Amino acid sequence: MRFQQALPILFLYLFFGTNPLLAQIPKVPAQLEFADLTLKITPQAQREIQLDVDAQYRNPSYFKVKQERFQLYMPIVERELRGMGIPEDLKYLVIQESGLISDAVSTSNAVGFWQFKQGTAEEVGLRVDAQVDERKNIASSSRGAALYLKKHNATLDNWMTALVSYQMGLGGAKAYFGNQYSGKKSH
């Protein structure tokens, strides 16, 4: 599941968001507070995530570039998500999606900060045509992502499953999770 791939970066930013280079390599905890939920991380997952955290932490120049993008774009992302009532922790999804690179393009032709395909972008009100591609605009695409997440949370009643639905689609998340996490505050 792609959320597990995001956990190393998520973990680093949650604990050392503005100055990770000055701290020791963080240890992945057995539990993490995220988007008003308590996530329980199994020992196996802790080990796997720790390997990724260690690897990313050993490359300070790479992490410094990520940190600079984070400091530039996150205030905008936070403002847009807050304006739509989205838990602030969901802002880290944009790092997983694009690494905060405006013109990132996936193998499935998803584009921009939040990696929207054209149809989904248009569904959340983004302009995508020959003159303008709002998927590459941090404010517009963040509003689109907030709308998408809010819509999915309204159906799934759980921010974590809404987050996973960002990757799988609403139908995929409903098929995978059913109602088992609806309204729950821990995973």
Protein backbone atom coordinates (compact mmCIF):
# COMPACT_ATOMS: atom_id res chain seq x y z
CA MET A 1 0.00 0.00 0.00
CA ARG A 2 1.45 3.39 -0.95
CA PHE A 3 0.73 4.95 2.45
CA GLN A 4 3.41 2.69 3.95
CA GLN A 5 5.84 4.12 1.40
CA ALA A 6 5.02 7.62 2.67
CA LEU A 7 5.56 6.79 6.33
CA PRO A 8 9.34 7.39 6.40
CA ILE A 9 8.97 10.91 5.00
CA LEU A 10 5.83 11.49 7.04
CA PHE A 11 7.59 10.37 10.19
CA LEU A 12 10.59 12.64 9.60
CA TYR A 13 8.47 15.70 8.90
CA LEU A 14 6.11 15.07 11.82
CA PHE A 15 8.96 14.95 14.29
CA PHE A 16 11.61 17.15 12.68
CA GLY A 17 9.64 19.14 10.08
CA THR A 18 11.59 22.37 10.16
CA ASN A 19 15.05 21.21 11.18
CA PRO A 20 15.64 17.47 10.71
CA LEU A 21 19.28 17.88 9.80
CA LEU A 22 20.25 18.92 13.32
CA ALA A 23 18.69 15.95 15.08
CA GLN A 24 19.84 12.38 15.50
CA ILE A 25 18.26 9.74 13.31
CA PRO A 26 14.75 9.34 14.73
CA LYS A 27 13.41 5.96 15.79
CA VAL A 28 10.07 4.82 14.43
CA PRO A 29 7.59 4.46 17.30
CA ALA A 30 5.09 1.65 17.86
CA GLN A 31 2.30 4.21 17.68
CA LEU A 32 1.84 7.55 15.93
CA GLU A 33 -0.82 10.25 16.20
CA PHE A 34 -1.94 11.24 12.72
CA ALA A 35 -5.03 13.12 11.50
CA ASP A 36 -6.91 12.67 14.79
CA LEU A 37 -6.16 8.94 14.71
CA THR A 38 -3.82 6.72 16.64
CA LEU A 39 -1.86 4.52 14.23
CA LYS A 40 -0.42 1.36 15.67
CA ILE A 41 2.69 0.32 13.77
CA THR A 42 3.54 -3.37 13.89
CA PRO A 43 7.12 -4.40 14.73
CA GLN A 44 7.62 -5.64 11.15
CA ALA A 45 6.40 -2.32 9.73
CA GLN A 46 8.58 -0.42 12.24
CA ARG A 47 11.67 -2.27 10.98
CA GLU A 48 10.82 -1.64 7.33
CA ILE A 49 10.04 2.03 7.89
CA GLN A 50 13.18 2.47 10.00
CA LEU A 51 15.32 1.21 7.10
CA ASP A 52 13.78 3.85 4.84
CA VAL A 53 14.15 6.59 7.47
CA ASP A 54 17.80 5.67 7.99
CA ALA A 55 18.49 5.72 4.25
CA GLN A 56 16.87 9.12 3.73
CA TYR A 57 18.57 10.60 6.74
CA ARG A 58 22.04 9.59 5.50
CA ASN A 59 21.76 11.92 2.51
CA PRO A 60 21.70 15.44 4.00
CA SER A 61 21.87 17.29 0.67
CA TYR A 62 18.85 15.40 -0.67
CA PHE A 63 16.94 16.02 2.53
CA LYS A 64 17.91 19.73 2.52
CA VAL A 65 16.33 20.19 -0.92
CA LYS A 66 13.15 18.51 0.33
CA GLN A 67 13.22 20.68 3.45
CA GLU A 68 13.49 23.88 1.38
CA ARG A 69 10.51 22.88 -0.77
CA PHE A 70 8.61 21.98 2.39
CA GLN A 71 9.26 25.43 3.90
CA LEU A 72 8.23 27.16 0.66
CA TYR A 73 5.03 25.28 -0.12
CA MET A 74 3.63 23.96 3.16
CA PRO A 75 2.17 27.26 4.40
CA ILE A 76 0.06 27.38 1.23
CA VAL A 77 -0.96 23.72 1.50
CA GLU A 78 -1.84 24.18 5.18
CA ARG A 79 -3.97 27.26 4.43
CA GLU A 80 -5.93 25.49 1.71
CA LEU A 81 -6.53 22.31 3.72
CA ARG A 82 -7.48 24.28 6.84
CA GLY A 83 -9.95 26.32 4.78
CA MET A 84 -11.73 23.08 3.81
CA GLY A 85 -11.65 21.55 7.31
CA ILE A 86 -9.10 18.86 6.45
CA PRO A 87 -6.82 17.59 9.26
CA GLU A 88 -3.46 19.31 8.94
CA ASP A 89 -1.52 16.04 8.98
CA LEU A 90 -2.92 15.16 5.55
CA LYS A 91 -0.64 17.83 4.11
CA TYR A 92 2.16 15.26 4.04
CA LEU A 93 0.41 13.39 1.25
CA VAL A 94 1.62 16.02 -1.22
CA ILE A 95 5.21 15.03 -0.41
CA GLN A 96 4.46 11.41 -1.22
CA GLU A 97 2.59 12.31 -4.38
CA SER A 98 5.09 14.65 -6.03
CA GLY A 99 7.98 15.42 -3.69
CA LEU A 100 6.60 18.98 -3.95
CA ILE A 101 7.64 19.17 -7.61
CA SER A 102 5.07 21.17 -9.58
CA ASP A 103 5.53 19.46 -12.93
CA ALA A 104 5.91 15.89 -11.67
CA VAL A 105 4.29 13.34 -13.99
CA SER A 106 3.56 9.76 -12.97
CA THR A 107 3.69 6.68 -15.16
CA SER A 108 -0.13 6.79 -15.24
CA ASN A 109 -0.02 10.39 -16.52
CA ALA A 110 -1.07 12.00 -13.23
CA VAL A 111 0.38 15.52 -13.09
CA GLY A 112 1.36 18.19 -10.61
CA PHE A 113 1.74 18.60 -6.89
CA TRP A 114 -1.13 16.30 -5.93
CA GLN A 115 -0.82 13.97 -8.95
CA PHE A 116 -4.25 14.35 -10.50
CA LYS A 117 -5.20 12.69 -13.75
CA GLN A 118 -7.05 15.08 -16.04
CA GLY A 119 -10.54 13.69 -15.36
CA THR A 120 -10.11 13.77 -11.58
CA ALA A 121 -8.63 17.27 -11.77
CA GLU A 122 -11.66 18.49 -13.66
CA GLU A 123 -13.96 16.66 -11.22
CA VAL A 124 -12.53 18.75 -8.34
CA GLY A 125 -12.79 21.99 -10.30
CA LEU A 126 -9.27 22.38 -11.65
CA ARG A 127 -8.73 23.92 -15.05
CA VAL A 128 -6.70 21.71 -17.38
CA ASP A 129 -6.39 22.86 -20.97
CA ALA A 130 -3.81 24.04 -23.52
CA GLN A 131 -3.30 27.37 -21.71
CA VAL A 132 -3.61 26.49 -18.01
CA ASP A 133 -2.94 23.40 -15.93
CA GLU A 134 -3.97 24.11 -12.34
CA ARG A 135 -2.57 20.75 -11.24
CA LYS A 136 0.80 22.54 -11.30
CA ASN A 137 -0.41 25.39 -9.07
CA ILE A 138 0.13 24.66 -5.37
CA ALA A 139 -2.90 26.63 -4.11
CA SER A 140 -5.38 25.43 -6.73
CA SER A 141 -4.28 21.82 -6.62
CA SER A 142 -4.30 21.82 -2.80
CA ARG A 143 -7.92 23.06 -2.85
CA GLY A 144 -8.70 20.26 -5.30
CA ALA A 145 -7.00 17.67 -3.08
CA ALA A 146 -8.89 19.00 -0.04
CA LEU A 147 -12.19 18.70 -1.87
CA TYR A 148 -11.32 15.16 -2.98
CA LEU A 149 -10.32 14.08 0.54
CA LYS A 150 -13.35 15.73 2.12
CA LYS A 151 -15.68 13.97 -0.30
CA HIS A 152 -14.10 10.60 0.42
CA ASN A 153 -14.13 11.16 4.17
CA ALA A 154 -17.84 11.98 4.01
CA THR A 155 -18.40 8.50 2.58
CA LEU A 156 -15.78 6.54 4.56
CA ASP A 157 -16.06 8.44 7.89
CA ASN A 158 -12.37 7.94 8.66
CA TRP A 159 -9.50 10.18 7.56
CA MET A 160 -7.02 7.31 7.23
CA THR A 161 -9.25 5.36 4.86
CA ALA A 162 -9.95 8.62 3.01
CA LEU A 163 -6.18 9.04 2.68
CA VAL A 164 -5.82 5.52 1.30
CA SER A 165 -8.71 6.20 -1.08
CA TYR A 166 -6.60 9.00 -2.55
CA GLN A 167 -4.44 6.23 -4.01
CA MET A 168 -7.07 3.54 -4.63
CA GLY A 169 -10.12 5.61 -5.49
CA LEU A 170 -13.29 5.61 -3.45
CA GLY A 171 -14.55 2.35 -4.92
CA GLY A 172 -11.22 0.61 -4.29
CA ALA A 173 -11.08 1.79 -0.68
CA LYS A 174 -14.68 0.77 -0.02
CA ALA A 175 -14.03 -2.67 -1.50
CA TYR A 176 -10.79 -3.08 0.46
CA PHE A 177 -11.94 -1.74 3.85
CA GLY A 178 -15.70 -2.13 3.78
CA ASN A 179 -17.11 -0.38 6.85
CA GLN A 180 -14.64 -1.80 9.36
CA TYR A 181 -13.00 1.57 10.10
CA SER A 182 -15.98 3.85 9.67
CA GLY A 183 -15.98 6.31 12.57
CA LYS A 184 -12.98 4.70 14.30
CA LYS A 185 -10.15 6.72 15.79
CA SER A 186 -7.34 4.14 15.69
CA HIS A 187 -5.84 1.62 13.26
